[in-house]
């Protein structure tokens, strides 16, 4: 993974929830082209918090994904490491699975 550019010590994703309605243009539901990478501070302004309701603690750039493509399903802010995983397989669910496994190791 180091050869792919994995940034040790940086997050892969945060599972988050939306506390307000967000414009659909910011939501990625396909792995073909992840867009709208914003600093986490901007996502906080749009009403995004950690799944447990606490404030997000980083200011890295992240993109918002809904792997199932529907609101009220798991929602994630994904970081650069997540996109490294997508080089293996362009599936949002695959990326979440591999990042979850990496976190457990």
PDB file of N, CA and C in Angstrom:
ATOM      1  N   UNK A   1       0.820  -1.200   0.000  1.00  0.00           N
ATOM      2  CA  UNK A   1       0.000   0.000   0.000  1.00  0.00           C
ATOM      3  C   UNK A   1       0.857   1.253   0.000  1.00  0.00           C
ATOM      4  N   UNK A   2       2.051   1.153   0.585  1.00  0.00           N
ATOM      5  CA  UNK A   2       2.940   2.309   0.574  1.00  0.00           C
ATOM      6  C   UNK A   2       3.316   2.702  -0.851  1.00  0.00           C
ATOM      7  N   UNK A   3       3.478   1.713  -1.739  1.00  0.00           N
ATOM      8  CA  UNK A   3       3.817   1.995  -3.125  1.00  0.00           C
ATOM      9  C   UNK A   3       2.695   2.737  -3.839  1.00  0.00           C
ATOM     10  N   UNK A   4       1.474   2.569  -3.354  1.00  0.00           N
ATOM     11  CA  UNK A   4       0.315   3.241  -3.958  1.00  0.00           C
ATOM     12  C   UNK A   4       0.180   4.682  -3.469  1.00  0.00           C
ATOM     13  N   UNK A   5       0.965   5.047  -2.442  1.00  0.00           N
ATOM     14  CA  UNK A   5       0.894   6.400  -1.916  1.00  0.00           C
ATOM     15  C   UNK A   5       0.069   6.536  -0.653  1.00  0.00           C
ATOM     16  N   UNK A   6      -0.164   5.416   0.057  1.00  0.00           N
ATOM     17  CA  UNK A   6      -0.922   5.426   1.306  1.00  0.00           C
ATOM     18  C   UNK A   6      -0.261   6.368   2.301  1.00  0.00           C
ATOM     19  N   UNK A   7      -1.027   7.222   2.939  1.00  0.00           N
ATOM     20  CA  UNK A   7      -0.511   8.177   3.924  1.00  0.00           C
ATOM     21  C   UNK A   7      -0.747   7.617   5.323  1.00  0.00           C
ATOM     22  N   UNK A   8       0.276   6.986   5.873  1.00  0.00           N
ATOM     23  CA  UNK A   8       0.178   6.389   7.202  1.00  0.00           C
ATOM     24  C   UNK A   8      -0.190   7.465   8.227  1.00  0.00           C
ATOM     25  N   UNK A   9      -1.117   7.145   9.083  1.00  0.00           N
ATOM     26  CA  UNK A   9      -1.539   8.085  10.121  1.00  0.00           C
ATOM     27  C   UNK A   9      -2.688   8.987   9.704  1.00  0.00           C
ATOM     28  N   UNK A  10      -3.044   8.971   8.423  1.00  0.00           N
ATOM     29  CA  UNK A  10      -4.193   9.766   7.975  1.00  0.00           C
ATOM     30  C   UNK A  10      -5.399   8.853   7.831  1.00  0.00           C
ATOM     31  N   UNK A  11      -6.589   9.407   8.036  1.00  0.00           N
ATOM     32  CA  UNK A  11      -7.788   8.573   7.958  1.00  0.00           C
ATOM     33  C   UNK A  11      -8.104   8.163   6.520  1.00  0.00           C
ATOM     34  N   UNK A  12      -8.882   7.124   6.426  1.00  0.00           N
ATOM     35  CA  UNK A  12      -9.372   6.653   5.139  1.00  0.00           C
ATOM     36  C   UNK A  12     -10.785   7.225   4.922  1.00  0.00           C
ATOM     37  N   UNK A  13     -11.600   7.140   5.966  1.00  0.00           N
ATOM     38  CA  UNK A  13     -12.947   7.690   5.910  1.00  0.00           C
ATOM     39  C   UNK A  13     -13.453   7.939   7.316  1.00  0.00           C
ATOM     40  N   UNK A  14     -14.470   8.757   7.421  1.00  0.00           N
ATOM     41  CA  UNK A  14     -15.268   8.920   8.645  1.00  0.00           C
ATOM     42  C   UNK A  14     -16.702   8.620   8.266  1.00  0.00           C
ATOM     43  N   UNK A  15     -17.362   7.807   9.066  1.00  0.00           N
ATOM     44  CA  UNK A  15     -18.800   7.641   8.856  1.00  0.00           C
ATOM     45  C   UNK A  15     -19.467   8.855   9.499  1.00  0.00           C
ATOM     46  N   UNK A  16     -20.337   9.492   8.760  1.00  0.00           N
ATOM     47  CA  UNK A  16     -20.915  10.764   9.197  1.00  0.00           C
ATOM     48  C   UNK A  16     -22.438  10.745   9.048  1.00  0.00           C
ATOM     49  N   UNK A  17     -23.034  11.802   9.574  1.00  0.00           N
ATOM     50  CA  UNK A  17     -24.459  11.996   9.337  1.00  0.00           C
ATOM     51  C   UNK A  17     -24.692  13.445   8.956  1.00  0.00           C
ATOM     52  N   UNK A  18     -25.762  13.647   8.230  1.00  0.00           N
ATOM     53  CA  UNK A  18     -26.144  14.979   7.777  1.00  0.00           C
ATOM     54  C   UNK A  18     -27.142  15.552   8.770  1.00  0.00           C
ATOM     55  N   UNK A  19     -26.873  16.755   9.249  1.00  0.00           N
ATOM     56  CA  UNK A  19     -27.805  17.386  10.184  1.00  0.00           C
ATOM     57  C   UNK A  19     -28.692  18.401   9.479  1.00  0.00           C
ATOM     58  N   UNK A  20     -28.441  18.607   8.192  1.00  0.00           N
ATOM     59  CA  UNK A  20     -29.281  19.493   7.393  1.00  0.00           C
ATOM     60  C   UNK A  20     -29.267  18.990   5.954  1.00  0.00           C
ATOM     61  N   UNK A  21     -30.199  19.486   5.172  1.00  0.00           N
ATOM     62  CA  UNK A  21     -30.276  19.067   3.771  1.00  0.00           C
ATOM     63  C   UNK A  21     -29.042  19.576   3.024  1.00  0.00           C
ATOM     64  N   UNK A  22     -28.505  18.734   2.164  1.00  0.00           N
ATOM     65  CA  UNK A  22     -27.313  19.106   1.416  1.00  0.00           C
ATOM     66  C   UNK A  22     -27.619  19.003  -0.075  1.00  0.00           C
ATOM     67  N   UNK A  23     -27.081  19.927  -0.828  1.00  0.00           N
ATOM     68  CA  UNK A  23     -27.281  19.947  -2.272  1.00  0.00           C
ATOM     69  C   UNK A  23     -26.750  18.647  -2.881  1.00  0.00           C
ATOM     70  N   UNK A  24     -27.531  18.025  -3.751  1.00  0.00           N
ATOM     71  CA  UNK A  24     -27.157  16.749  -4.358  1.00  0.00           C
ATOM     72  C   UNK A  24     -25.857  16.808  -5.140  1.00  0.00           C
ATOM     73  N   UNK A  25     -25.474  17.996  -5.594  1.00  0.00           N
ATOM     74  CA  UNK A  25     -24.235  18.090  -6.376  1.00  0.00           C
ATOM     75  C   UNK A  25     -23.003  17.724  -5.552  1.00  0.00           C
ATOM     76  N   UNK A  26     -23.114  17.784  -4.231  1.00  0.00           N
ATOM     77  CA  UNK A  26     -21.988  17.452  -3.358  1.00  0.00           C
ATOM     78  C   UNK A  26     -21.901  15.967  -3.034  1.00  0.00           C
ATOM     79  N   UNK A  27     -22.919  15.198  -3.395  1.00  0.00           N
ATOM     80  CA  UNK A  27     -22.991  13.791  -3.019  1.00  0.00           C
ATOM     81  C   UNK A  27     -22.454  12.913  -4.145  1.00  0.00           C
ATOM     82  N   UNK A  28     -21.474  12.087  -3.831  1.00  0.00           N
ATOM     83  CA  UNK A  28     -20.918  11.127  -4.773  1.00  0.00           C
ATOM     84  C   UNK A  28     -21.570   9.771  -4.525  1.00  0.00           C
ATOM     85  N   UNK A  29     -22.154   9.206  -5.553  1.00  0.00           N
ATOM     86  CA  UNK A  29     -22.746   7.878  -5.427  1.00  0.00           C
ATOM     87  C   UNK A  29     -22.142   6.911  -6.440  1.00  0.00           C
ATOM     88  N   UNK A  30     -21.072   7.332  -7.084  1.00  0.00           N
ATOM     89  CA  UNK A  30     -20.353   6.499  -8.052  1.00  0.00           C
ATOM     90  C   UNK A  30     -18.859   6.683  -7.832  1.00  0.00           C
ATOM     91  N   UNK A  31     -18.125   5.602  -7.985  1.00  0.00           N
ATOM     92  CA  UNK A  31     -16.672   5.660  -7.793  1.00  0.00           C
ATOM     93  C   UNK A  31     -15.936   6.078  -9.061  1.00  0.00           C
ATOM     94  N   UNK A  32     -16.657   6.243 -10.146  1.00  0.00           N
ATOM     95  CA  UNK A  32     -15.994   6.595 -11.415  1.00  0.00           C
ATOM     96  C   UNK A  32     -15.296   7.953 -11.336  1.00  0.00           C
ATOM     97  N   UNK A  33     -15.923   8.898 -10.671  1.00  0.00           N
ATOM     98  CA  UNK A  33     -15.314  10.218 -10.537  1.00  0.00           C
ATOM     99  C   UNK A  33     -15.751  10.819  -9.202  1.00  0.00           C
ATOM    100  N   UNK A  34     -14.860  10.787  -8.245  1.00  0.00           N
ATOM    101  CA  UNK A  34     -15.130  11.388  -6.940  1.00  0.00           C
ATOM    102  C   UNK A  34     -14.862  12.879  -7.084  1.00  0.00           C
ATOM    103  N   UNK A  35     -15.859  13.704  -6.767  1.00  0.00           N
ATOM    104  CA  UNK A  35     -15.697  15.151  -6.934  1.00  0.00           C
ATOM    105  C   UNK A  35     -16.105  15.886  -5.667  1.00  0.00           C
ATOM    106  N   UNK A  36     -15.964  17.172  -5.715  1.00  0.00           N
ATOM    107  CA  UNK A  36     -16.315  18.080  -4.611  1.00  0.00           C
ATOM    108  C   UNK A  36     -15.549  17.733  -3.342  1.00  0.00           C
ATOM    109  N   UNK A  37     -14.228  17.748  -3.457  1.00  0.00           N
ATOM    110  CA  UNK A  37     -13.383  17.588  -2.288  1.00  0.00           C
ATOM    111  C   UNK A  37     -13.289  18.945  -1.609  1.00  0.00           C
ATOM    112  N   UNK A  38     -13.736  18.988  -0.383  1.00  0.00           N
ATOM    113  CA  UNK A  38     -13.709  20.230   0.394  1.00  0.00           C
ATOM    114  C   UNK A  38     -12.965  19.981   1.693  1.00  0.00           C
ATOM    115  N   UNK A  39     -12.417  21.039   2.274  1.00  0.00           N
ATOM    116  CA  UNK A  39     -11.860  20.919   3.615  1.00  0.00           C
ATOM    117  C   UNK A  39     -12.981  20.521   4.569  1.00  0.00           C
ATOM    118  N   UNK A  40     -12.644  19.712   5.546  1.00  0.00           N
ATOM    119  CA  UNK A  40     -13.652  19.238   6.492  1.00  0.00           C
ATOM    120  C   UNK A  40     -14.372  20.411   7.160  1.00  0.00           C
ATOM    121  N   UNK A  41     -13.682  21.536   7.354  1.00  0.00           N
ATOM    122  CA  UNK A  41     -14.339  22.710   7.944  1.00  0.00           C
ATOM    123  C   UNK A  41     -15.531  23.150   7.096  1.00  0.00           C
ATOM    124  N   UNK A  42     -15.418  23.040   5.782  1.00  0.00           N
ATOM    125  CA  UNK A  42     -16.539  23.390   4.885  1.00  0.00           C
ATOM    126  C   UNK A  42     -17.674  22.379   5.016  1.00  0.00           C
ATOM    127  N   UNK A  43     -17.334  21.093   5.170  1.00  0.00           N
ATOM    128  CA  UNK A  43     -18.381  20.082   5.370  1.00  0.00           C
ATOM    129  C   UNK A  43     -19.121  20.341   6.683  1.00  0.00           C
ATOM    130  N   UNK A  44     -18.376  20.763   7.711  1.00  0.00           N
ATOM    131  CA  UNK A  44     -19.024  21.083   8.992  1.00  0.00           C
ATOM    132  C   UNK A  44     -20.019  22.226   8.811  1.00  0.00           C
ATOM    133  N   UNK A  45     -19.654  23.227   8.014  1.00  0.00           N
ATOM    134  CA  UNK A  45     -20.565  24.349   7.747  1.00  0.00           C
ATOM    135  C   UNK A  45     -21.836  23.870   7.050  1.00  0.00           C
ATOM    136  N   UNK A  46     -21.741  22.777   6.303  1.00  0.00           N
ATOM    137  CA  UNK A  46     -22.893  22.237   5.583  1.00  0.00           C
ATOM    138  C   UNK A  46     -23.713  21.292   6.462  1.00  0.00           C
ATOM    139  N   UNK A  47     -23.329  21.149   7.719  1.00  0.00           N
ATOM    140  CA  UNK A  47     -24.118  20.354   8.655  1.00  0.00           C
ATOM    141  C   UNK A  47     -23.713  18.905   8.779  1.00  0.00           C
ATOM    142  N   UNK A  48     -22.471  18.590   8.480  1.00  0.00           N
ATOM    143  CA  UNK A  48     -22.008  17.207   8.592  1.00  0.00           C
ATOM    144  C   UNK A  48     -21.238  17.042   9.892  1.00  0.00           C
ATOM    145  N   UNK A  49     -21.589  15.988  10.631  1.00  0.00           N
ATOM    146  CA  UNK A  49     -20.939  15.654  11.901  1.00  0.00           C
ATOM    147  C   UNK A  49     -20.605  14.162  11.899  1.00  0.00           C
ATOM    148  N   UNK A  50     -19.765  13.734  12.846  1.00  0.00           N
ATOM    149  CA  UNK A  50     -19.490  12.309  13.009  1.00  0.00           C
ATOM    150  C   UNK A  50     -20.795  11.570  13.254  1.00  0.00           C
ATOM    151  N   UNK A  51     -20.788  10.286  13.000  1.00  0.00           N
ATOM    152  CA  UNK A  51     -21.986   9.475  13.172  1.00  0.00           C
ATOM    153  C   UNK A  51     -22.559   9.596  14.583  1.00  0.00           C
ATOM    154  N   UNK A  52     -21.681   9.725  15.581  1.00  0.00           N
ATOM    155  CA  UNK A  52     -22.154   9.834  16.966  1.00  0.00           C
ATOM    156  C   UNK A  52     -22.567  11.262  17.336  1.00  0.00           C
ATOM    157  N   UNK A  53     -22.532  12.174  16.367  1.00  0.00           N
ATOM    158  CA  UNK A  53     -22.975  13.546  16.604  1.00  0.00           C
ATOM    159  C   UNK A  53     -21.876  14.499  17.027  1.00  0.00           C
ATOM    160  N   UNK A  54     -20.674  13.991  17.259  1.00  0.00           N
ATOM    161  CA  UNK A  54     -19.576  14.865  17.682  1.00  0.00           C
ATOM    162  C   UNK A  54     -18.985  15.593  16.480  1.00  0.00           C
ATOM    163  N   UNK A  55     -18.258  16.637  16.781  1.00  0.00           N
ATOM    164  CA  UNK A  55     -17.654  17.461  15.735  1.00  0.00           C
ATOM    165  C   UNK A  55     -16.500  16.719  15.062  1.00  0.00           C
ATOM    166  N   UNK A  56     -16.340  16.921  13.779  1.00  0.00           N
ATOM    167  CA  UNK A  56     -15.224  16.348  13.026  1.00  0.00           C
ATOM    168  C   UNK A  56     -13.933  17.039  13.460  1.00  0.00           C
ATOM    169  N   UNK A  57     -12.858  16.281  13.611  1.00  0.00           N
ATOM    170  CA  UNK A  57     -11.633  16.806  14.215  1.00  0.00           C
ATOM    171  C   UNK A  57     -10.454  17.005  13.270  1.00  0.00           C
ATOM    172  N   UNK A  58     -10.652  17.027  11.990  1.00  0.00           N
ATOM    173  CA  UNK A  58      -9.542  17.223  11.064  1.00  0.00           C
ATOM    174  C   UNK A  58      -9.922  18.296  10.060  1.00  0.00           C
ATOM    175  N   UNK A  59      -8.948  18.818   9.360  1.00  0.00           N
ATOM    176  CA  UNK A  59      -9.254  19.781   8.313  1.00  0.00           C
ATOM    177  C   UNK A  59      -8.654  19.341   6.979  1.00  0.00           C
ATOM    178  N   UNK A  60      -8.514  18.034   6.804  1.00  0.00           N
ATOM    179  CA  UNK A  60      -8.065  17.501   5.522  1.00  0.00           C
ATOM    180  C   UNK A  60      -9.166  17.693   4.489  1.00  0.00           C
ATOM    181  N   UNK A  61      -8.825  17.556   3.218  1.00  0.00           N
ATOM    182  CA  UNK A  61      -9.843  17.591   2.169  1.00  0.00           C
ATOM    183  C   UNK A  61     -10.532  16.238   2.111  1.00  0.00           C
ATOM    184  N   UNK A  62     -11.845  16.275   1.910  1.00  0.00           N
ATOM    185  CA  UNK A  62     -12.632  15.050   1.871  1.00  0.00           C
ATOM    186  C   UNK A  62     -13.769  15.209   0.872  1.00  0.00           C
ATOM    187  N   UNK A  63     -14.262  14.071   0.405  1.00  0.00           N
ATOM    188  CA  UNK A  63     -15.433  14.036  -0.471  1.00  0.00           C
ATOM    189  C   UNK A  63     -16.534  13.282   0.262  1.00  0.00           C
ATOM    190  N   UNK A  64     -17.770  13.610  -0.031  1.00  0.00           N
ATOM    191  CA  UNK A  64     -18.922  12.968   0.597  1.00  0.00           C
ATOM    192  C   UNK A  64     -19.433  11.864  -0.314  1.00  0.00           C
ATOM    193  N   UNK A  65     -19.562  10.644   0.227  1.00  0.00           N
ATOM    194  CA  UNK A  65     -20.102   9.550  -0.582  1.00  0.00           C
ATOM    195  C   UNK A  65     -21.286   8.887   0.106  1.00  0.00           C
ATOM    196  N   UNK A  66     -22.200   8.422  -0.709  1.00  0.00           N
ATOM    197  CA  UNK A  66     -23.307   7.571  -0.290  1.00  0.00           C
ATOM    198  C   UNK A  66     -23.211   6.312  -1.150  1.00  0.00           C
ATOM    199  N   UNK A  67     -22.557   5.253  -0.647  1.00  0.00           N
ATOM    200  CA  UNK A  67     -22.355   4.061  -1.470  1.00  0.00           C
ATOM    201  C   UNK A  67     -23.655   3.461  -2.009  1.00  0.00           C
ATOM    202  N   UNK A  68     -24.744   3.606  -1.268  1.00  0.00           N
ATOM    203  CA  UNK A  68     -26.023   3.069  -1.738  1.00  0.00           C
ATOM    204  C   UNK A  68     -26.795   4.075  -2.578  1.00  0.00           C
ATOM    205  N   UNK A  69     -26.296   5.307  -2.655  1.00  0.00           N
ATOM    206  CA  UNK A  69     -26.915   6.322  -3.494  1.00  0.00           C
ATOM    207  C   UNK A  69     -28.217   6.894  -2.958  1.00  0.00           C
ATOM    208  N   UNK A  70     -28.554   6.590  -1.712  1.00  0.00           N
ATOM    209  CA  UNK A  70     -29.817   7.066  -1.139  1.00  0.00           C
ATOM    210  C   UNK A  70     -29.559   7.740   0.204  1.00  0.00           C
ATOM    211  N   UNK A  71     -30.304   8.802   0.471  1.00  0.00           N
ATOM    212  CA  UNK A  71     -30.229   9.434   1.790  1.00  0.00           C
ATOM    213  C   UNK A  71     -30.755   8.439   2.818  1.00  0.00           C
ATOM    214  N   UNK A  72     -30.436   8.638   4.067  1.00  0.00           N
ATOM    215  CA  UNK A  72     -30.825   7.753   5.164  1.00  0.00           C
ATOM    216  C   UNK A  72     -30.166   6.378   5.052  1.00  0.00           C
ATOM    217  N   UNK A  73     -29.039   6.300   4.343  1.00  0.00           N
ATOM    218  CA  UNK A  73     -28.202   5.109   4.325  1.00  0.00           C
ATOM    219  C   UNK A  73     -26.821   5.544   4.791  1.00  0.00           C
ATOM    220  N   UNK A  74     -25.919   4.613   5.102  1.00  0.00           N
ATOM    221  CA  UNK A  74     -24.598   5.032   5.569  1.00  0.00           C
ATOM    222  C   UNK A  74     -23.956   6.068   4.641  1.00  0.00           C
ATOM    223  N   UNK A  75     -23.400   7.099   5.273  1.00  0.00           N
ATOM    224  CA  UNK A  75     -22.812   8.239   4.578  1.00  0.00           C
ATOM    225  C   UNK A  75     -21.383   8.404   5.090  1.00  0.00           C
ATOM    226  N   UNK A  76     -20.459   8.728   4.198  1.00  0.00           N
ATOM    227  CA  UNK A  76     -19.055   8.790   4.573  1.00  0.00           C
ATOM    228  C   UNK A  76     -18.371  10.021   3.983  1.00  0.00           C
ATOM    229  N   UNK A  77     -17.445  10.589   4.760  1.00  0.00           N
ATOM    230  CA  UNK A  77     -16.471  11.532   4.221  1.00  0.00           C
ATOM    231  C   UNK A  77     -15.235  10.693   3.947  1.00  0.00           C
ATOM    232  N   UNK A  78     -14.752  10.723   2.716  1.00  0.00           N
ATOM    233  CA  UNK A  78     -13.589   9.908   2.349  1.00  0.00           C
ATOM    234  C   UNK A  78     -12.404  10.812   2.029  1.00  0.00           C
ATOM    235  N   UNK A  79     -11.240  10.314   2.380  1.00  0.00           N
ATOM    236  CA  UNK A  79     -10.009  11.074   2.242  1.00  0.00           C
ATOM    237  C   UNK A  79      -9.111  10.459   1.170  1.00  0.00           C
ATOM    238  N   UNK A  80      -7.932  11.007   1.036  1.00  0.00           N
ATOM    239  CA  UNK A  80      -6.993  10.591  -0.005  1.00  0.00           C
ATOM    240  C   UNK A  80      -6.683   9.091   0.054  1.00  0.00           C
ATOM    241  N   UNK A  81      -6.530   8.531   1.260  1.00  0.00           N
ATOM    242  CA  UNK A  81      -6.234   7.101   1.370  1.00  0.00           C
ATOM    243  C   UNK A  81      -7.354   6.252   0.770  1.00  0.00           C
ATOM    244  N   UNK A  82      -8.577   6.672   0.931  1.00  0.00           N
ATOM    245  CA  UNK A  82      -9.713   5.941   0.355  1.00  0.00           C
ATOM    246  C   UNK A  82      -9.572   5.882  -1.166  1.00  0.00           C
ATOM    247  N   UNK A  83      -9.208   6.981  -1.757  1.00  0.00           N
ATOM    248  CA  UNK A  83      -9.079   7.019  -3.206  1.00  0.00           C
ATOM    249  C   UNK A  83      -7.915   6.168  -3.698  1.00  0.00           C
ATOM    250  N   UNK A  84      -6.908   5.954  -2.864  1.00  0.00           N
ATOM    251  CA  UNK A  84      -5.823   5.029  -3.229  1.00  0.00           C
ATOM    252  C   UNK A  84      -6.376   3.610  -3.366  1.00  0.00           C
ATOM    253  N   UNK A  85      -7.278   3.225  -2.480  1.00  0.00           N
ATOM    254  CA  UNK A  85      -7.896   1.896  -2.517  1.00  0.00           C
ATOM    255  C   UNK A  85      -8.697   1.713  -3.802  1.00  0.00           C
ATOM    256  N   UNK A  86      -9.332   2.770  -4.273  1.00  0.00           N
ATOM    257  CA  UNK A  86     -10.152   2.668  -5.480  1.00  0.00           C
ATOM    258  C   UNK A  86      -9.327   2.363  -6.736  1.00  0.00           C
ATOM    259  N   UNK A  87      -8.012   2.479  -6.644  1.00  0.00           N
ATOM    260  CA  UNK A  87      -7.165   2.108  -7.788  1.00  0.00           C
ATOM    261  C   UNK A  87      -7.240   0.603  -8.045  1.00  0.00           C
ATOM    262  N   UNK A  88      -7.532  -0.173  -7.006  1.00  0.00           N
ATOM    263  CA  UNK A  88      -7.676  -1.623  -7.145  1.00  0.00           C
ATOM    264  C   UNK A  88      -9.027  -1.988  -7.742  1.00  0.00           C
ATOM    265  N   UNK A  89     -10.047  -1.303  -7.278  1.00  0.00           N
ATOM    266  CA  UNK A  89     -11.407  -1.659  -7.660  1.00  0.00           C
ATOM    267  C   UNK A  89     -12.267  -0.409  -7.499  1.00  0.00           C
ATOM    268  N   UNK A  90     -12.888   0.060  -8.573  1.00  0.00           N
ATOM    269  CA  UNK A  90     -13.668   1.302  -8.552  1.00  0.00           C
ATOM    270  C   UNK A  90     -15.074   1.062  -8.012  1.00  0.00           C
ATOM    271  N   UNK A  91     -15.171   0.603  -6.786  1.00  0.00           N
ATOM    272  CA  UNK A  91     -16.454   0.379  -6.120  1.00  0.00           C
ATOM    273  C   UNK A  91     -16.423   1.090  -4.778  1.00  0.00           C
ATOM    274  N   UNK A  92     -17.436   1.918  -4.514  1.00  0.00           N
ATOM    275  CA  UNK A  92     -17.484   2.637  -3.242  1.00  0.00           C
ATOM    276  C   UNK A  92     -17.548   1.671  -2.065  1.00  0.00           C
ATOM    277  N   UNK A  93     -18.324   0.612  -2.204  1.00  0.00           N
ATOM    278  CA  UNK A  93     -18.443  -0.374  -1.117  1.00  0.00           C
ATOM    279  C   UNK A  93     -17.114  -1.113  -0.901  1.00  0.00           C
ATOM    280  N   UNK A  94     -16.418  -1.441  -1.984  1.00  0.00           N
ATOM    281  CA  UNK A  94     -15.111  -2.090  -1.867  1.00  0.00           C
ATOM    282  C   UNK A  94     -14.160  -1.202  -1.068  1.00  0.00           C
ATOM    283  N   UNK A  95     -14.119   0.081  -1.406  1.00  0.00           N
ATOM    284  CA  UNK A  95     -13.245   1.014  -0.694  1.00  0.00           C
ATOM    285  C   UNK A  95     -13.545   1.072   0.794  1.00  0.00           C
ATOM    286  N   UNK A  96     -14.817   1.126   1.146  1.00  0.00           N
ATOM    287  CA  UNK A  96     -15.200   1.162   2.568  1.00  0.00           C
ATOM    288  C   UNK A  96     -14.781  -0.137   3.247  1.00  0.00           C
ATOM    289  N   UNK A  97     -14.989  -1.276   2.583  1.00  0.00           N
ATOM    290  CA  UNK A  97     -14.632  -2.578   3.164  1.00  0.00           C
ATOM    291  C   UNK A  97     -13.137  -2.682   3.422  1.00  0.00           C
ATOM    292  N   UNK A  98     -12.322  -2.322   2.431  1.00  0.00           N
ATOM    293  CA  UNK A  98     -10.870  -2.424   2.583  1.00  0.00           C
ATOM    294  C   UNK A  98     -10.379  -1.453   3.658  1.00  0.00           C
ATOM    295  N   UNK A  99     -10.907  -0.255   3.678  1.00  0.00           N
ATOM    296  CA  UNK A  99     -10.494   0.718   4.696  1.00  0.00           C
ATOM    297  C   UNK A  99     -10.898   0.257   6.099  1.00  0.00           C
ATOM    298  N   UNK A 100     -12.056  -0.378   6.216  1.00  0.00           N
ATOM    299  CA  UNK A 100     -12.490  -0.912   7.515  1.00  0.00           C
ATOM    300  C   UNK A 100     -11.534  -2.005   7.959  1.00  0.00           C
ATOM    301  N   UNK A 101     -11.161  -2.887   7.056  1.00  0.00           N
ATOM    302  CA  UNK A 101     -10.204  -3.946   7.361  1.00  0.00           C
ATOM    303  C   UNK A 101      -8.854  -3.353   7.759  1.00  0.00           C
ATOM    304  N   UNK A 102      -8.388  -2.361   7.026  1.00  0.00           N
ATOM    305  CA  UNK A 102      -7.110  -1.715   7.339  1.00  0.00           C
ATOM    306  C   UNK A 102      -7.134  -1.115   8.742  1.00  0.00           C
ATOM    307  N   UNK A 103      -8.256  -0.547   9.119  1.00  0.00           N
ATOM    308  CA  UNK A 103      -8.391   0.064  10.450  1.00  0.00           C
ATOM    309  C   UNK A 103      -8.315  -0.997  11.538  1.00  0.00           C
ATOM    310  N   UNK A 104      -8.878  -2.173  11.253  1.00  0.00           N
ATOM    311  CA  UNK A 104      -8.884  -3.269  12.233  1.00  0.00           C
ATOM    312  C   UNK A 104      -7.489  -3.876  12.417  1.00  0.00           C
ATOM    313  N   UNK A 105      -6.674  -3.812  11.344  1.00  0.00           N
ATOM    314  CA  UNK A 105      -5.313  -4.379  11.422  1.00  0.00           C
ATOM    315  C   UNK A 105      -4.453  -3.395  12.163  1.00  0.00           C
TER     316      UNK A 105
END
